[in-house]
């Protein structure tokens, strides 16, 4: 279950503003819903944009490139992380 960790963003007067939340994928939709609900309390309008949206997502985004239930391998998530060990940079 997603939670908002400290420091929670400072709320400034955005009561007349429109916010667009952008993410790579709405899988379960829990994280998007958490952010959406937080923003909705402080702004005039909230919309969401994602590259991929899964059919079982809790959030229905206004802007979606593709809806799918397939597993998505993003280029930034399939490569192992680069770590520093003993002064040398190695791939994990």
PDB file of N, CA and C in Angstrom:
ATOM      1  N   UNK A   1       0.849  -1.179   0.000  1.00  0.00           N
ATOM      2  CA  UNK A   1       0.000   0.000   0.000  1.00  0.00           C
ATOM      3  C   UNK A   1       0.889   1.235   0.000  1.00  0.00           C
ATOM      4  N   UNK A   2       0.742   2.117  -0.975  1.00  0.00           N
ATOM      5  CA  UNK A   2       1.559   3.332  -1.019  1.00  0.00           C
ATOM      6  C   UNK A   2       1.245   4.263   0.148  1.00  0.00           C
ATOM      7  N   UNK A   3       2.265   4.915   0.633  1.00  0.00           N
ATOM      8  CA  UNK A   3       2.115   5.926   1.681  1.00  0.00           C
ATOM      9  C   UNK A   3       2.953   7.129   1.303  1.00  0.00           C
ATOM     10  N   UNK A   4       2.560   8.286   1.801  1.00  0.00           N
ATOM     11  CA  UNK A   4       3.318   9.492   1.560  1.00  0.00           C
ATOM     12  C   UNK A   4       4.269   9.683   2.731  1.00  0.00           C
ATOM     13  N   UNK A   5       5.567   9.616   2.461  1.00  0.00           N
ATOM     14  CA  UNK A   5       6.581   9.743   3.494  1.00  0.00           C
ATOM     15  C   UNK A   5       6.982  11.199   3.680  1.00  0.00           C
ATOM     16  N   UNK A   6       7.434  11.500   4.868  1.00  0.00           N
ATOM     17  CA  UNK A   6       7.937  12.849   5.151  1.00  0.00           C
ATOM     18  C   UNK A   6       9.193  13.087   4.320  1.00  0.00           C
ATOM     19  N   UNK A   7       9.426  14.272   3.882  1.00  0.00           N
ATOM     20  CA  UNK A   7       8.590  15.448   4.107  1.00  0.00           C
ATOM     21  C   UNK A   7       7.441  15.503   3.098  1.00  0.00           C
ATOM     22  N   UNK A   8       6.239  15.676   3.607  1.00  0.00           N
ATOM     23  CA  UNK A   8       5.063  15.836   2.754  1.00  0.00           C
ATOM     24  C   UNK A   8       5.174  17.211   2.084  1.00  0.00           C
ATOM     25  N   UNK A   9       4.865  17.294   0.800  1.00  0.00           N
ATOM     26  CA  UNK A   9       4.993  18.584   0.119  1.00  0.00           C
ATOM     27  C   UNK A   9       4.226  19.691   0.839  1.00  0.00           C
ATOM     28  N   UNK A  10       4.837  20.869   0.902  1.00  0.00           N
ATOM     29  CA  UNK A  10       4.154  22.020   1.482  1.00  0.00           C
ATOM     30  C   UNK A  10       2.976  22.398   0.603  1.00  0.00           C
ATOM     31  N   UNK A  11       1.873  22.666   1.242  1.00  0.00           N
ATOM     32  CA  UNK A  11       0.682  23.052   0.506  1.00  0.00           C
ATOM     33  C   UNK A  11       0.684  24.576   0.394  1.00  0.00           C
ATOM     34  N   UNK A  12       0.716  25.048  -0.823  1.00  0.00           N
ATOM     35  CA  UNK A  12       0.614  26.485  -1.070  1.00  0.00           C
ATOM     36  C   UNK A  12      -0.726  26.728  -1.733  1.00  0.00           C
ATOM     37  N   UNK A  13      -1.073  27.976  -1.902  1.00  0.00           N
ATOM     38  CA  UNK A  13      -2.389  28.282  -2.458  1.00  0.00           C
ATOM     39  C   UNK A  13      -2.430  28.004  -3.960  1.00  0.00           C
ATOM     40  N   UNK A  14      -2.835  26.795  -4.306  1.00  0.00           N
ATOM     41  CA  UNK A  14      -3.045  26.395  -5.691  1.00  0.00           C
ATOM     42  C   UNK A  14      -4.529  26.203  -5.967  1.00  0.00           C
ATOM     43  N   UNK A  15      -5.372  26.830  -5.160  1.00  0.00           N
ATOM     44  CA  UNK A  15      -6.807  26.561  -5.227  1.00  0.00           C
ATOM     45  C   UNK A  15      -7.410  26.848  -6.601  1.00  0.00           C
ATOM     46  N   UNK A  16      -6.794  27.707  -7.391  1.00  0.00           N
ATOM     47  CA  UNK A  16      -7.316  28.005  -8.727  1.00  0.00           C
ATOM     48  C   UNK A  16      -6.508  27.339  -9.830  1.00  0.00           C
ATOM     49  N   UNK A  17      -5.613  26.442  -9.469  1.00  0.00           N
ATOM     50  CA  UNK A  17      -4.715  25.817 -10.446  1.00  0.00           C
ATOM     51  C   UNK A  17      -5.232  24.461 -10.900  1.00  0.00           C
ATOM     52  N   UNK A  18      -4.786  24.075 -12.096  1.00  0.00           N
ATOM     53  CA  UNK A  18      -5.064  22.752 -12.644  1.00  0.00           C
ATOM     54  C   UNK A  18      -3.757  21.979 -12.643  1.00  0.00           C
ATOM     55  N   UNK A  19      -3.786  20.732 -12.164  1.00  0.00           N
ATOM     56  CA  UNK A  19      -2.592  19.907 -12.008  1.00  0.00           C
ATOM     57  C   UNK A  19      -2.678  18.693 -12.936  1.00  0.00           C
ATOM     58  N   UNK A  20      -1.545  18.378 -13.583  1.00  0.00           N
ATOM     59  CA  UNK A  20      -1.434  17.163 -14.371  1.00  0.00           C
ATOM     60  C   UNK A  20      -0.406  16.261 -13.697  1.00  0.00           C
ATOM     61  N   UNK A  21      -0.822  15.068 -13.315  1.00  0.00           N
ATOM     62  CA  UNK A  21       0.065  14.070 -12.724  1.00  0.00           C
ATOM     63  C   UNK A  21       0.508  13.145 -13.850  1.00  0.00           C
ATOM     64  N   UNK A  22       1.815  12.985 -14.028  1.00  0.00           N
ATOM     65  CA  UNK A  22       2.346  12.127 -15.094  1.00  0.00           C
ATOM     66  C   UNK A  22       3.114  10.964 -14.484  1.00  0.00           C
ATOM     67  N   UNK A  23       2.917   9.767 -15.049  1.00  0.00           N
ATOM     68  CA  UNK A  23       3.606   8.571 -14.569  1.00  0.00           C
ATOM     69  C   UNK A  23       3.827   7.645 -15.759  1.00  0.00           C
ATOM     70  N   UNK A  24       4.703   6.656 -15.584  1.00  0.00           N
ATOM     71  CA  UNK A  24       4.946   5.736 -16.682  1.00  0.00           C
ATOM     72  C   UNK A  24       3.831   4.718 -16.840  1.00  0.00           C
ATOM     73  N   UNK A  25       3.348   4.172 -15.715  1.00  0.00           N
ATOM     74  CA  UNK A  25       2.319   3.134 -15.814  1.00  0.00           C
ATOM     75  C   UNK A  25       1.360   3.213 -14.627  1.00  0.00           C
ATOM     76  N   UNK A  26       0.097   3.028 -14.910  1.00  0.00           N
ATOM     77  CA  UNK A  26      -0.918   2.866 -13.860  1.00  0.00           C
ATOM     78  C   UNK A  26      -1.206   1.381 -13.781  1.00  0.00           C
ATOM     79  N   UNK A  27      -0.495   0.706 -12.889  1.00  0.00           N
ATOM     80  CA  UNK A  27      -0.664  -0.739 -12.753  1.00  0.00           C
ATOM     81  C   UNK A  27      -1.821  -1.004 -11.795  1.00  0.00           C
ATOM     82  N   UNK A  28      -1.565  -1.003 -10.503  1.00  0.00           N
ATOM     83  CA  UNK A  28      -2.681  -1.132  -9.557  1.00  0.00           C
ATOM     84  C   UNK A  28      -3.426   0.191  -9.441  1.00  0.00           C
ATOM     85  N   UNK A  29      -2.718   1.298  -9.677  1.00  0.00           N
ATOM     86  CA  UNK A  29      -3.321   2.623  -9.566  1.00  0.00           C
ATOM     87  C   UNK A  29      -3.272   3.193  -8.162  1.00  0.00           C
ATOM     88  N   UNK A  30      -2.739   2.436  -7.211  1.00  0.00           N
ATOM     89  CA  UNK A  30      -2.738   2.907  -5.818  1.00  0.00           C
ATOM     90  C   UNK A  30      -1.896   4.166  -5.621  1.00  0.00           C
ATOM     91  N   UNK A  31      -0.712   4.204  -6.223  1.00  0.00           N
ATOM     92  CA  UNK A  31       0.149   5.382  -6.070  1.00  0.00           C
ATOM     93  C   UNK A  31      -0.492   6.604  -6.733  1.00  0.00           C
ATOM     94  N   UNK A  32      -1.005   6.427  -7.940  1.00  0.00           N
ATOM     95  CA  UNK A  32      -1.676   7.547  -8.614  1.00  0.00           C
ATOM     96  C   UNK A  32      -2.870   8.046  -7.811  1.00  0.00           C
ATOM     97  N   UNK A  33      -3.625   7.137  -7.233  1.00  0.00           N
ATOM     98  CA  UNK A  33      -4.787   7.533  -6.432  1.00  0.00           C
ATOM     99  C   UNK A  33      -4.358   8.327  -5.206  1.00  0.00           C
ATOM    100  N   UNK A  34      -3.285   7.897  -4.545  1.00  0.00           N
ATOM    101  CA  UNK A  34      -2.780   8.618  -3.380  1.00  0.00           C
ATOM    102  C   UNK A  34      -2.398  10.050  -3.752  1.00  0.00           C
ATOM    103  N   UNK A  35      -1.651  10.206  -4.823  1.00  0.00           N
ATOM    104  CA  UNK A  35      -1.227  11.534  -5.267  1.00  0.00           C
ATOM    105  C   UNK A  35      -2.427  12.345  -5.746  1.00  0.00           C
ATOM    106  N   UNK A  36      -3.304  11.725  -6.504  1.00  0.00           N
ATOM    107  CA  UNK A  36      -4.502  12.391  -7.015  1.00  0.00           C
ATOM    108  C   UNK A  36      -5.351  12.929  -5.866  1.00  0.00           C
ATOM    109  N   UNK A  37      -5.623  12.090  -4.879  1.00  0.00           N
ATOM    110  CA  UNK A  37      -6.465  12.496  -3.751  1.00  0.00           C
ATOM    111  C   UNK A  37      -5.811  13.605  -2.933  1.00  0.00           C
ATOM    112  N   UNK A  38      -4.487  13.530  -2.755  1.00  0.00           N
ATOM    113  CA  UNK A  38      -3.769  14.576  -2.031  1.00  0.00           C
ATOM    114  C   UNK A  38      -3.895  15.915  -2.771  1.00  0.00           C
ATOM    115  N   UNK A  39      -3.663  15.898  -4.073  1.00  0.00           N
ATOM    116  CA  UNK A  39      -3.721  17.129  -4.869  1.00  0.00           C
ATOM    117  C   UNK A  39      -5.140  17.680  -4.943  1.00  0.00           C
ATOM    118  N   UNK A  40      -6.116  16.804  -5.067  1.00  0.00           N
ATOM    119  CA  UNK A  40      -7.504  17.220  -5.237  1.00  0.00           C
ATOM    120  C   UNK A  40      -8.007  18.072  -4.076  1.00  0.00           C
ATOM    121  N   UNK A  41      -7.437  17.868  -2.886  1.00  0.00           N
ATOM    122  CA  UNK A  41      -7.845  18.647  -1.722  1.00  0.00           C
ATOM    123  C   UNK A  41      -7.356  20.095  -1.780  1.00  0.00           C
ATOM    124  N   UNK A  42      -6.411  20.387  -2.702  1.00  0.00           N
ATOM    125  CA  UNK A  42      -5.758  21.690  -2.683  1.00  0.00           C
ATOM    126  C   UNK A  42      -5.808  22.452  -4.001  1.00  0.00           C
ATOM    127  N   UNK A  43      -6.368  21.864  -5.049  1.00  0.00           N
ATOM    128  CA  UNK A  43      -6.359  22.514  -6.362  1.00  0.00           C
ATOM    129  C   UNK A  43      -7.750  22.488  -6.983  1.00  0.00           C
ATOM    130  N   UNK A  44      -7.885  23.214  -8.075  1.00  0.00           N
ATOM    131  CA  UNK A  44      -9.181  23.287  -8.756  1.00  0.00           C
ATOM    132  C   UNK A  44      -9.489  22.017  -9.556  1.00  0.00           C
ATOM    133  N   UNK A  45      -8.446  21.442 -10.183  1.00  0.00           N
ATOM    134  CA  UNK A  45      -8.671  20.278 -11.051  1.00  0.00           C
ATOM    135  C   UNK A  45      -7.417  19.423 -11.117  1.00  0.00           C
ATOM    136  N   UNK A  46      -7.603  18.098 -11.159  1.00  0.00           N
ATOM    137  CA  UNK A  46      -6.491  17.159 -11.274  1.00  0.00           C
ATOM    138  C   UNK A  46      -6.784  16.196 -12.415  1.00  0.00           C
ATOM    139  N   UNK A  47      -5.798  16.024 -13.294  1.00  0.00           N
ATOM    140  CA  UNK A  47      -5.874  15.021 -14.353  1.00  0.00           C
ATOM    141  C   UNK A  47      -4.600  14.191 -14.325  1.00  0.00           C
ATOM    142  N   UNK A  48      -4.678  13.003 -14.930  1.00  0.00           N
ATOM    143  CA  UNK A  48      -3.528  12.097 -14.940  1.00  0.00           C
ATOM    144  C   UNK A  48      -3.185  11.682 -16.355  1.00  0.00           C
ATOM    145  N   UNK A  49      -1.867  11.535 -16.597  1.00  0.00           N
ATOM    146  CA  UNK A  49      -1.365  11.073 -17.887  1.00  0.00           C
ATOM    147  C   UNK A  49      -0.367   9.949 -17.644  1.00  0.00           C
ATOM    148  N   UNK A  50      -0.518   8.859 -18.380  1.00  0.00           N
ATOM    149  CA  UNK A  50       0.403   7.728 -18.269  1.00  0.00           C
ATOM    150  C   UNK A  50       0.726   7.191 -19.657  1.00  0.00           C
ATOM    151  N   UNK A  51       1.835   6.478 -19.734  1.00  0.00           N
ATOM    152  CA  UNK A  51       2.163   5.797 -20.981  1.00  0.00           C
ATOM    153  C   UNK A  51       1.270   4.571 -21.113  1.00  0.00           C
ATOM    154  N   UNK A  52       1.231   3.756 -20.048  1.00  0.00           N
ATOM    155  CA  UNK A  52       0.421   2.542 -20.044  1.00  0.00           C
ATOM    156  C   UNK A  52      -0.558   2.561 -18.882  1.00  0.00           C
ATOM    157  N   UNK A  53      -1.758   2.049 -19.127  1.00  0.00           N
ATOM    158  CA  UNK A  53      -2.748   1.880 -18.067  1.00  0.00           C
ATOM    159  C   UNK A  53      -3.254   0.449 -18.113  1.00  0.00           C
ATOM    160  N   UNK A  54      -3.199  -0.226 -16.965  1.00  0.00           N
ATOM    161  CA  UNK A  54      -3.717  -1.593 -16.862  1.00  0.00           C
ATOM    162  C   UNK A  54      -5.225  -1.523 -16.635  1.00  0.00           C
ATOM    163  N   UNK A  55      -5.943  -2.524 -17.109  1.00  0.00           N
ATOM    164  CA  UNK A  55      -7.406  -2.506 -16.999  1.00  0.00           C
ATOM    165  C   UNK A  55      -7.876  -2.599 -15.556  1.00  0.00           C
ATOM    166  N   UNK A  56      -7.045  -3.157 -14.659  1.00  0.00           N
ATOM    167  CA  UNK A  56      -7.450  -3.293 -13.258  1.00  0.00           C
ATOM    168  C   UNK A  56      -7.020  -2.104 -12.392  1.00  0.00           C
ATOM    169  N   UNK A  57      -6.473  -1.049 -13.002  1.00  0.00           N
ATOM    170  CA  UNK A  57      -6.030   0.125 -12.247  1.00  0.00           C
ATOM    171  C   UNK A  57      -7.205   0.793 -11.539  1.00  0.00           C
ATOM    172  N   UNK A  58      -6.967   1.248 -10.307  1.00  0.00           N
ATOM    173  CA  UNK A  58      -7.994   1.968  -9.548  1.00  0.00           C
ATOM    174  C   UNK A  58      -8.313   3.327 -10.161  1.00  0.00           C
ATOM    175  N   UNK A  59      -7.368   3.869 -10.903  1.00  0.00           N
ATOM    176  CA  UNK A  59      -7.507   5.198 -11.497  1.00  0.00           C
ATOM    177  C   UNK A  59      -7.697   5.063 -12.995  1.00  0.00           C
ATOM    178  N   UNK A  60      -8.648   5.779 -13.531  1.00  0.00           N
ATOM    179  CA  UNK A  60      -8.825   5.884 -14.974  1.00  0.00           C
ATOM    180  C   UNK A  60      -8.231   7.221 -15.384  1.00  0.00           C
ATOM    181  N   UNK A  61      -7.099   7.153 -16.062  1.00  0.00           N
ATOM    182  CA  UNK A  61      -6.385   8.365 -16.441  1.00  0.00           C
ATOM    183  C   UNK A  61      -7.049   9.031 -17.641  1.00  0.00           C
ATOM    184  N   UNK A  62      -6.949  10.350 -17.672  1.00  0.00           N
ATOM    185  CA  UNK A  62      -7.530  11.106 -18.774  1.00  0.00           C
ATOM    186  C   UNK A  62      -6.706  10.974 -20.059  1.00  0.00           C
ATOM    187  N   UNK A  63      -5.405  10.783 -19.899  1.00  0.00           N
ATOM    188  CA  UNK A  63      -4.507  10.696 -21.055  1.00  0.00           C
ATOM    189  C   UNK A  63      -3.698   9.410 -20.963  1.00  0.00           C
ATOM    190  N   UNK A  64      -3.887   8.517 -21.936  1.00  0.00           N
ATOM    191  CA  UNK A  64      -3.237   7.200 -21.938  1.00  0.00           C
ATOM    192  C   UNK A  64      -2.754   6.906 -23.352  1.00  0.00           C
ATOM    193  N   UNK A  65      -1.482   6.481 -23.450  1.00  0.00           N
ATOM    194  CA  UNK A  65      -0.984   6.089 -24.761  1.00  0.00           C
ATOM    195  C   UNK A  65      -1.509   4.715 -25.146  1.00  0.00           C
ATOM    196  N   UNK A  66      -1.463   3.758 -24.176  1.00  0.00           N
ATOM    197  CA  UNK A  66      -1.895   2.400 -24.497  1.00  0.00           C
ATOM    198  C   UNK A  66      -2.448   1.725 -23.251  1.00  0.00           C
ATOM    199  N   UNK A  67      -3.538   1.003 -23.413  1.00  0.00           N
ATOM    200  CA  UNK A  67      -4.101   0.181 -22.337  1.00  0.00           C
ATOM    201  C   UNK A  67      -3.714  -1.265 -22.599  1.00  0.00           C
ATOM    202  N   UNK A  68      -3.211  -1.929 -21.565  1.00  0.00           N
ATOM    203  CA  UNK A  68      -2.737  -3.299 -21.720  1.00  0.00           C
ATOM    204  C   UNK A  68      -2.729  -3.992 -20.372  1.00  0.00           C
ATOM    205  N   UNK A  69      -2.747  -5.314 -20.395  1.00  0.00           N
ATOM    206  CA  UNK A  69      -2.561  -6.091 -19.181  1.00  0.00           C
ATOM    207  C   UNK A  69      -1.258  -6.884 -19.244  1.00  0.00           C
ATOM    208  N   UNK A  70      -0.471  -6.647 -20.267  1.00  0.00           N
ATOM    209  CA  UNK A  70       0.817  -7.332 -20.399  1.00  0.00           C
ATOM    210  C   UNK A  70       1.841  -6.710 -19.461  1.00  0.00           C
ATOM    211  N   UNK A  71       2.860  -7.504 -19.094  1.00  0.00           N
ATOM    212  CA  UNK A  71       3.968  -6.996 -18.283  1.00  0.00           C
ATOM    213  C   UNK A  71       4.782  -6.039 -19.145  1.00  0.00           C
ATOM    214  N   UNK A  72       5.189  -4.919 -18.567  1.00  0.00           N
ATOM    215  CA  UNK A  72       5.912  -3.901 -19.316  1.00  0.00           C
ATOM    216  C   UNK A  72       7.352  -3.847 -18.816  1.00  0.00           C
ATOM    217  N   UNK A  73       8.298  -4.007 -19.733  1.00  0.00           N
ATOM    218  CA  UNK A  73       9.714  -3.873 -19.409  1.00  0.00           C
ATOM    219  C   UNK A  73      10.202  -2.537 -19.961  1.00  0.00           C
ATOM    220  N   UNK A  74      10.376  -1.572 -19.060  1.00  0.00           N
ATOM    221  CA  UNK A  74      10.908  -0.279 -19.466  1.00  0.00           C
ATOM    222  C   UNK A  74      12.421  -0.376 -19.564  1.00  0.00           C
ATOM    223  N   UNK A  75      13.037   0.367 -20.464  1.00  0.00           N
ATOM    224  CA  UNK A  75      14.505   0.321 -20.590  1.00  0.00           C
ATOM    225  C   UNK A  75      15.212   0.638 -19.275  1.00  0.00           C
ATOM    226  N   UNK A  76      14.663   1.517 -18.464  1.00  0.00           N
ATOM    227  CA  UNK A  76      15.307   1.918 -17.209  1.00  0.00           C
ATOM    228  C   UNK A  76      15.075   0.924 -16.078  1.00  0.00           C
ATOM    229  N   UNK A  77      14.257  -0.099 -16.295  1.00  0.00           N
ATOM    230  CA  UNK A  77      14.000  -1.042 -15.204  1.00  0.00           C
ATOM    231  C   UNK A  77      14.494  -2.457 -15.498  1.00  0.00           C
ATOM    232  N   UNK A  78      14.986  -2.740 -16.700  1.00  0.00           N
ATOM    233  CA  UNK A  78      15.441  -4.093 -17.007  1.00  0.00           C
ATOM    234  C   UNK A  78      16.948  -4.251 -16.843  1.00  0.00           C
ATOM    235  N   UNK A  79      17.697  -3.154 -16.849  1.00  0.00           N
ATOM    236  CA  UNK A  79      19.143  -3.216 -16.656  1.00  0.00           C
ATOM    237  C   UNK A  79      19.465  -3.266 -15.176  1.00  0.00           C
ATOM    238  N   UNK A  80      20.473  -4.030 -14.776  1.00  0.00           N
ATOM    239  CA  UNK A  80      20.847  -4.068 -13.362  1.00  0.00           C
ATOM    240  C   UNK A  80      21.423  -2.715 -12.933  1.00  0.00           C
ATOM    241  N   UNK A  81      21.287  -2.370 -11.651  1.00  0.00           N
ATOM    242  CA  UNK A  81      21.810  -1.087 -11.187  1.00  0.00           C
ATOM    243  C   UNK A  81      23.337  -1.078 -11.187  1.00  0.00           C
ATOM    244  N   UNK A  82      23.897   0.096 -11.327  1.00  0.00           N
ATOM    245  CA  UNK A  82      25.337   0.274 -11.239  1.00  0.00           C
ATOM    246  C   UNK A  82      25.651   0.631  -9.791  1.00  0.00           C
ATOM    247  N   UNK A  83      26.564  -0.103  -9.170  1.00  0.00           N
ATOM    248  CA  UNK A  83      26.899   0.118  -7.764  1.00  0.00           C
ATOM    249  C   UNK A  83      28.402   0.336  -7.617  1.00  0.00           C
ATOM    250  N   UNK A  84      28.795   0.962  -6.522  1.00  0.00           N
ATOM    251  CA  UNK A  84      30.195   1.198  -6.229  1.00  0.00           C
ATOM    252  C   UNK A  84      30.626   0.235  -5.124  1.00  0.00           C
ATOM    253  N   UNK A  85      31.665  -0.567  -5.409  1.00  0.00           N
ATOM    254  CA  UNK A  85      32.188  -1.519  -4.433  1.00  0.00           C
ATOM    255  C   UNK A  85      33.705  -1.391  -4.409  1.00  0.00           C
ATOM    256  N   UNK A  86      34.241  -1.113  -3.238  1.00  0.00           N
ATOM    257  CA  UNK A  86      35.691  -1.050  -3.099  1.00  0.00           C
ATOM    258  C   UNK A  86      36.354  -0.054  -4.028  1.00  0.00           C
ATOM    259  N   UNK A  87      35.709   1.064  -4.282  1.00  0.00           N
ATOM    260  CA  UNK A  87      36.288   2.085  -5.148  1.00  0.00           C
ATOM    261  C   UNK A  87      36.066   1.861  -6.624  1.00  0.00           C
ATOM    262  N   UNK A  88      35.501   0.725  -7.003  1.00  0.00           N
ATOM    263  CA  UNK A  88      35.251   0.440  -8.406  1.00  0.00           C
ATOM    264  C   UNK A  88      33.751   0.501  -8.698  1.00  0.00           C
ATOM    265  N   UNK A  89      33.408   0.961  -9.879  1.00  0.00           N
ATOM    266  CA  UNK A  89      32.015   0.976 -10.295  1.00  0.00           C
ATOM    267  C   UNK A  89      31.743  -0.324 -11.030  1.00  0.00           C
ATOM    268  N   UNK A  90      30.801  -1.094 -10.524  1.00  0.00           N
ATOM    269  CA  UNK A  90      30.458  -2.394 -11.091  1.00  0.00           C
ATOM    270  C   UNK A  90      28.966  -2.471 -11.361  1.00  0.00           C
ATOM    271  N   UNK A  91      28.586  -3.261 -12.319  1.00  0.00           N
ATOM    272  CA  UNK A  91      27.166  -3.539 -12.501  1.00  0.00           C
ATOM    273  C   UNK A  91      26.800  -4.641 -11.543  1.00  0.00           C
ATOM    274  N   UNK A  92      25.648  -4.489 -10.874  1.00  0.00           N
ATOM    275  CA  UNK A  92      25.210  -5.493  -9.893  1.00  0.00           C
ATOM    276  C   UNK A  92      24.725  -6.740 -10.567  1.00  0.00           C
TER     277      UNK A  92
END
